[in-house]
Amino acid sequence: MQDRRHPSRVEDYTGAFLVTLGILLFMTFWTIAAVAGFIWVVLSAILIDRLIRLGAKVKDRP
């Protein structure tokens, strides 16, 4: 018979992911500001915020 041992717990990389995401967003907004101007950075940030909030509402539905 096959022995069904489960591996031990894996490491939590959530913090590393969030730091990397923050760095990528900072670089993205910096590039948009350099190319298109500051107003596009603000509009992009607002759009991303709205999409995240919409996704959270959809996820919380029963």
PDB file of N, CA and C in Angstrom:
ATOM      1  N   MET A   1       0.817  -1.181   0.000  1.00  0.00           N
ATOM      2  CA  MET A   1       0.000   0.000   0.000  1.00  0.00           C
ATOM      3  C   MET A   1       0.867   1.254   0.000  1.00  0.00           C
ATOM      4  N   GLN A   2       0.300   2.292  -0.491  1.00  0.00           N
ATOM      5  CA  GLN A   2       1.042   3.545  -0.580  1.00  0.00           C
ATOM      6  C   GLN A   2       0.959   4.305   0.742  1.00  0.00           C
ATOM      7  N   ASP A   3       2.103   4.761   1.204  1.00  0.00           N
ATOM      8  CA  ASP A   3       2.152   5.531   2.449  1.00  0.00           C
ATOM      9  C   ASP A   3       1.806   6.983   2.134  1.00  0.00           C
ATOM     10  N   ARG A   4       0.781   7.524   2.772  1.00  0.00           N
ATOM     11  CA  ARG A   4       0.320   8.883   2.488  1.00  0.00           C
ATOM     12  C   ARG A   4       0.795   9.835   3.574  1.00  0.00           C
ATOM     13  N   ARG A   5       2.006  10.268   3.452  1.00  0.00           N
ATOM     14  CA  ARG A   5       2.534  11.268   4.381  1.00  0.00           C
ATOM     15  C   ARG A   5       2.421  12.637   3.737  1.00  0.00           C
ATOM     16  N   HIS A   6       1.951  13.547   4.517  1.00  0.00           N
ATOM     17  CA  HIS A   6       1.844  14.907   4.018  1.00  0.00           C
ATOM     18  C   HIS A   6       3.141  15.652   4.323  1.00  0.00           C
ATOM     19  N   PRO A   7       3.572  16.482   3.384  1.00  0.00           N
ATOM     20  CA  PRO A   7       4.783  17.270   3.658  1.00  0.00           C
ATOM     21  C   PRO A   7       4.536  18.268   4.781  1.00  0.00           C
ATOM     22  N   SER A   8       5.596  18.749   5.343  1.00  0.00           N
ATOM     23  CA  SER A   8       5.463  19.746   6.406  1.00  0.00           C
ATOM     24  C   SER A   8       4.947  21.065   5.823  1.00  0.00           C
ATOM     25  N   ARG A   9       4.636  21.991   6.688  1.00  0.00           N
ATOM     26  CA  ARG A   9       4.109  23.278   6.244  1.00  0.00           C
ATOM     27  C   ARG A   9       5.130  24.007   5.389  1.00  0.00           C
ATOM     28  N   VAL A  10       4.623  24.771   4.442  1.00  0.00           N
ATOM     29  CA  VAL A  10       5.498  25.552   3.576  1.00  0.00           C
ATOM     30  C   VAL A  10       5.681  26.945   4.167  1.00  0.00           C
ATOM     31  N   GLU A  11       6.707  27.629   3.701  1.00  0.00           N
ATOM     32  CA  GLU A  11       6.967  28.978   4.210  1.00  0.00           C
ATOM     33  C   GLU A  11       5.931  29.956   3.675  1.00  0.00           C
ATOM     34  N   ASP A  12       5.676  30.991   4.444  1.00  0.00           N
ATOM     35  CA  ASP A  12       4.716  32.025   4.077  1.00  0.00           C
ATOM     36  C   ASP A  12       5.445  33.140   3.340  1.00  0.00           C
ATOM     37  N   TYR A  13       5.151  33.279   2.061  1.00  0.00           N
ATOM     38  CA  TYR A  13       5.808  34.290   1.235  1.00  0.00           C
ATOM     39  C   TYR A  13       4.908  35.498   0.990  1.00  0.00           C
ATOM     40  N   THR A  14       3.873  35.673   1.785  1.00  0.00           N
ATOM     41  CA  THR A  14       2.947  36.785   1.590  1.00  0.00           C
ATOM     42  C   THR A  14       3.646  38.131   1.741  1.00  0.00           C
ATOM     43  N   GLY A  15       4.467  38.270   2.769  1.00  0.00           N
ATOM     44  CA  GLY A  15       5.175  39.534   2.986  1.00  0.00           C
ATOM     45  C   GLY A  15       6.103  39.880   1.826  1.00  0.00           C
ATOM     46  N   ALA A  16       6.842  38.877   1.353  1.00  0.00           N
ATOM     47  CA  ALA A  16       7.748  39.103   0.218  1.00  0.00           C
ATOM     48  C   ALA A  16       6.961  39.488  -1.035  1.00  0.00           C
ATOM     49  N   PHE A  17       5.815  38.836  -1.238  1.00  0.00           N
ATOM     50  CA  PHE A  17       4.979  39.175  -2.388  1.00  0.00           C
ATOM     51  C   PHE A  17       4.482  40.613  -2.306  1.00  0.00           C
ATOM     52  N   LEU A  18       4.009  41.013  -1.135  1.00  0.00           N
ATOM     53  CA  LEU A  18       3.473  42.368  -0.989  1.00  0.00           C
ATOM     54  C   LEU A  18       4.549  43.431  -1.165  1.00  0.00           C
ATOM     55  N   VAL A  19       5.752  43.169  -0.667  1.00  0.00           N
ATOM     56  CA  VAL A  19       6.854  44.113  -0.864  1.00  0.00           C
ATOM     57  C   VAL A  19       7.200  44.222  -2.345  1.00  0.00           C
ATOM     58  N   THR A  20       7.276  43.078  -3.026  1.00  0.00           N
ATOM     59  CA  THR A  20       7.580  43.075  -4.457  1.00  0.00           C
ATOM     60  C   THR A  20       6.489  43.789  -5.241  1.00  0.00           C
ATOM     61  N   LEU A  21       5.233  43.550  -4.890  1.00  0.00           N
ATOM     62  CA  LEU A  21       4.133  44.234  -5.558  1.00  0.00           C
ATOM     63  C   LEU A  21       4.214  45.744  -5.352  1.00  0.00           C
ATOM     64  N   GLY A  22       4.542  46.161  -4.131  1.00  0.00           N
ATOM     65  CA  GLY A  22       4.685  47.590  -3.856  1.00  0.00           C
ATOM     66  C   GLY A  22       5.788  48.227  -4.676  1.00  0.00           C
ATOM     67  N   ILE A  23       6.910  47.525  -4.799  1.00  0.00           N
ATOM     68  CA  ILE A  23       8.017  48.038  -5.606  1.00  0.00           C
ATOM     69  C   ILE A  23       7.617  48.132  -7.070  1.00  0.00           C
ATOM     70  N   LEU A  24       6.942  47.109  -7.576  1.00  0.00           N
ATOM     71  CA  LEU A  24       6.509  47.139  -8.974  1.00  0.00           C
ATOM     72  C   LEU A  24       5.508  48.262  -9.234  1.00  0.00           C
ATOM     73  N   LEU A  25       4.574  48.464  -8.306  1.00  0.00           N
ATOM     74  CA  LEU A  25       3.626  49.568  -8.479  1.00  0.00           C
ATOM     75  C   LEU A  25       4.326  50.922  -8.429  1.00  0.00           C
ATOM     76  N   PHE A  26       5.287  51.071  -7.522  1.00  0.00           N
ATOM     77  CA  PHE A  26       6.039  52.322  -7.450  1.00  0.00           C
ATOM     78  C   PHE A  26       6.758  52.594  -8.771  1.00  0.00           C
ATOM     79  N   MET A  27       7.436  51.579  -9.310  1.00  0.00           N
ATOM     80  CA  MET A  27       8.156  51.758 -10.578  1.00  0.00           C
ATOM     81  C   MET A  27       7.191  52.051 -11.723  1.00  0.00           C
ATOM     82  N   THR A  28       6.018  51.390 -11.714  1.00  0.00           N
ATOM     83  CA  THR A  28       5.022  51.631 -12.761  1.00  0.00           C
ATOM     84  C   THR A  28       4.517  53.060 -12.710  1.00  0.00           C
ATOM     85  N   PHE A  29       4.164  53.518 -11.505  1.00  0.00           N
ATOM     86  CA  PHE A  29       3.671  54.887 -11.374  1.00  0.00           C
ATOM     87  C   PHE A  29       4.754  55.913 -11.694  1.00  0.00           C
ATOM     88  N   TRP A  30       5.983  55.631 -11.334  1.00  0.00           N
ATOM     89  CA  TRP A  30       7.088  56.539 -11.647  1.00  0.00           C
ATOM     90  C   TRP A  30       7.270  56.648 -13.165  1.00  0.00           C
ATOM     91  N   THR A  31       7.165  55.518 -13.859  1.00  0.00           N
ATOM     92  CA  THR A  31       7.301  55.516 -15.317  1.00  0.00           C
ATOM     93  C   THR A  31       6.150  56.270 -15.965  1.00  0.00           C
ATOM     94  N   ILE A  32       4.926  56.042 -15.496  1.00  0.00           N
ATOM     95  CA  ILE A  32       3.776  56.769 -16.042  1.00  0.00           C
ATOM     96  C   ILE A  32       3.935  58.263 -15.815  1.00  0.00           C
ATOM     97  N   ALA A  33       4.415  58.637 -14.639  1.00  0.00           N
ATOM     98  CA  ALA A  33       4.620  60.060 -14.349  1.00  0.00           C
ATOM     99  C   ALA A  33       5.668  60.658 -15.267  1.00  0.00           C
ATOM    100  N   ALA A  34       6.731  59.932 -15.546  1.00  0.00           N
ATOM    101  CA  ALA A  34       7.802  60.446 -16.414  1.00  0.00           C
ATOM    102  C   ALA A  34       7.331  60.567 -17.859  1.00  0.00           C
ATOM    103  N   VAL A  35       6.485  59.645 -18.297  1.00  0.00           N
ATOM    104  CA  VAL A  35       6.070  59.626 -19.695  1.00  0.00           C
ATOM    105  C   VAL A  35       4.844  60.499 -19.941  1.00  0.00           C
ATOM    106  N   ALA A  36       3.844  60.372 -19.091  1.00  0.00           N
ATOM    107  CA  ALA A  36       2.560  61.004 -19.389  1.00  0.00           C
ATOM    108  C   ALA A  36       2.182  62.132 -18.438  1.00  0.00           C
ATOM    109  N   GLY A  37       2.865  62.254 -17.328  1.00  0.00           N
ATOM    110  CA  GLY A  37       2.522  63.307 -16.391  1.00  0.00           C
ATOM    111  C   GLY A  37       1.864  62.770 -15.130  1.00  0.00           C
ATOM    112  N   PHE A  38       1.843  63.619 -14.118  1.00  0.00           N
ATOM    113  CA  PHE A  38       1.375  63.212 -12.797  1.00  0.00           C
ATOM    114  C   PHE A  38      -0.110  62.890 -12.759  1.00  0.00           C
ATOM    115  N   ILE A  39      -0.904  63.577 -13.560  1.00  0.00           N
ATOM    116  CA  ILE A  39      -2.353  63.350 -13.531  1.00  0.00           C
ATOM    117  C   ILE A  39      -2.692  61.916 -13.911  1.00  0.00           C
ATOM    118  N   TRP A  40      -1.933  61.315 -14.820  1.00  0.00           N
ATOM    119  CA  TRP A  40      -2.187  59.925 -15.211  1.00  0.00           C
ATOM    120  C   TRP A  40      -1.837  58.954 -14.094  1.00  0.00           C
ATOM    121  N   VAL A  41      -0.879  59.298 -13.280  1.00  0.00           N
ATOM    122  CA  VAL A  41      -0.554  58.466 -12.120  1.00  0.00           C
ATOM    123  C   VAL A  41      -1.728  58.452 -11.152  1.00  0.00           C
ATOM    124  N   VAL A  42      -2.284  59.609 -10.894  1.00  0.00           N
ATOM    125  CA  VAL A  42      -3.422  59.706  -9.981  1.00  0.00           C
ATOM    126  C   VAL A  42      -4.619  58.945 -10.549  1.00  0.00           C
ATOM    127  N   LEU A  43      -4.901  59.127 -11.829  1.00  0.00           N
ATOM    128  CA  LEU A  43      -6.020  58.418 -12.442  1.00  0.00           C
ATOM    129  C   LEU A  43      -5.805  56.904 -12.445  1.00  0.00           C
ATOM    130  N   SER A  44      -4.592  56.462 -12.706  1.00  0.00           N
ATOM    131  CA  SER A  44      -4.288  55.028 -12.680  1.00  0.00           C
ATOM    132  C   SER A  44      -4.438  54.458 -11.277  1.00  0.00           C
ATOM    133  N   ALA A  45      -3.977  55.187 -10.277  1.00  0.00           N
ATOM    134  CA  ALA A  45      -4.096  54.729  -8.891  1.00  0.00           C
ATOM    135  C   ALA A  45      -5.564  54.626  -8.476  1.00  0.00           C
ATOM    136  N   ILE A  46      -6.369  55.595  -8.873  1.00  0.00           N
ATOM    137  CA  ILE A  46      -7.796  55.556  -8.558  1.00  0.00           C
ATOM    138  C   ILE A  46      -8.454  54.362  -9.248  1.00  0.00           C
ATOM    139  N   LEU A  47      -8.115  54.124 -10.501  1.00  0.00           N
ATOM    140  CA  LEU A  47      -8.680  52.995 -11.236  1.00  0.00           C
ATOM    141  C   LEU A  47      -8.303  51.667 -10.582  1.00  0.00           C
ATOM    142  N   ILE A  48      -7.051  51.508 -10.206  1.00  0.00           N
ATOM    143  CA  ILE A  48      -6.614  50.276  -9.548  1.00  0.00           C
ATOM    144  C   ILE A  48      -7.336  50.098  -8.221  1.00  0.00           C
ATOM    145  N   ASP A  49      -7.482  51.164  -7.470  1.00  0.00           N
ATOM    146  CA  ASP A  49      -8.195  51.091  -6.192  1.00  0.00           C
ATOM    147  C   ASP A  49      -9.640  50.656  -6.402  1.00  0.00           C
ATOM    148  N   ARG A  50     -10.305  51.223  -7.382  1.00  0.00           N
ATOM    149  CA  ARG A  50     -11.706  50.865  -7.661  1.00  0.00           C
ATOM    150  C   ARG A  50     -11.819  49.397  -8.080  1.00  0.00           C
ATOM    151  N   LEU A  51     -10.885  48.924  -8.893  1.00  0.00           N
ATOM    152  CA  LEU A  51     -10.913  47.524  -9.320  1.00  0.00           C
ATOM    153  C   LEU A  51     -10.692  46.574  -8.149  1.00  0.00           C
ATOM    154  N   ILE A  52      -9.795  46.925  -7.241  1.00  0.00           N
ATOM    155  CA  ILE A  52      -9.554  46.095  -6.064  1.00  0.00           C
ATOM    156  C   ILE A  52     -10.804  46.060  -5.183  1.00  0.00           C
ATOM    157  N   ARG A  53     -11.424  47.208  -4.984  1.00  0.00           N
ATOM    158  CA  ARG A  53     -12.650  47.248  -4.167  1.00  0.00           C
ATOM    159  C   ARG A  53     -13.775  46.454  -4.822  1.00  0.00           C
ATOM    160  N   LEU A  54     -13.903  46.550  -6.148  1.00  0.00           N
ATOM    161  CA  LEU A  54     -14.921  45.795  -6.868  1.00  0.00           C
ATOM    162  C   LEU A  54     -14.654  44.297  -6.734  1.00  0.00           C
ATOM    163  N   GLY A  55     -13.415  43.900  -6.861  1.00  0.00           N
ATOM    164  CA  GLY A  55     -13.061  42.494  -6.704  1.00  0.00           C
ATOM    165  C   GLY A  55     -13.361  41.979  -5.308  1.00  0.00           C
ATOM    166  N   ALA A  56     -13.142  42.809  -4.297  1.00  0.00           N
ATOM    167  CA  ALA A  56     -13.438  42.408  -2.919  1.00  0.00           C
ATOM    168  C   ALA A  56     -14.944  42.251  -2.709  1.00  0.00           C
ATOM    169  N   LYS A  57     -15.732  43.132  -3.318  1.00  0.00           N
ATOM    170  CA  LYS A  57     -17.187  43.015  -3.193  1.00  0.00           C
ATOM    171  C   LYS A  57     -17.692  41.740  -3.871  1.00  0.00           C
ATOM    172  N   VAL A  58     -17.166  41.449  -5.045  1.00  0.00           N
ATOM    173  CA  VAL A  58     -17.579  40.247  -5.770  1.00  0.00           C
ATOM    174  C   VAL A  58     -17.175  38.996  -4.984  1.00  0.00           C
ATOM    175  N   LYS A  59     -16.010  39.016  -4.376  1.00  0.00           N
ATOM    176  CA  LYS A  59     -15.516  37.861  -3.631  1.00  0.00           C
ATOM    177  C   LYS A  59     -16.349  37.622  -2.372  1.00  0.00           C
ATOM    178  N   ASP A  60     -16.858  38.683  -1.744  1.00  0.00           N
ATOM    179  CA  ASP A  60     -17.607  38.562  -0.497  1.00  0.00           C
ATOM    180  C   ASP A  60     -19.066  38.168  -0.707  1.00  0.00           C
ATOM    181  N   ARG A  61     -19.519  38.128  -1.929  1.00  0.00           N
ATOM    182  CA  ARG A  61     -20.912  37.733  -2.182  1.00  0.00           C
ATOM    183  C   ARG A  61     -21.100  36.261  -1.811  1.00  0.00           C
ATOM    184  N   PRO A  62     -22.306  35.941  -1.303  1.00  0.00           N
ATOM    185  CA  PRO A  62     -22.570  34.526  -0.940  1.00  0.00           C
ATOM    186  C   PRO A  62     -22.775  33.635  -2.133  1.00  0.00           C
TER     187      PRO A  62
END
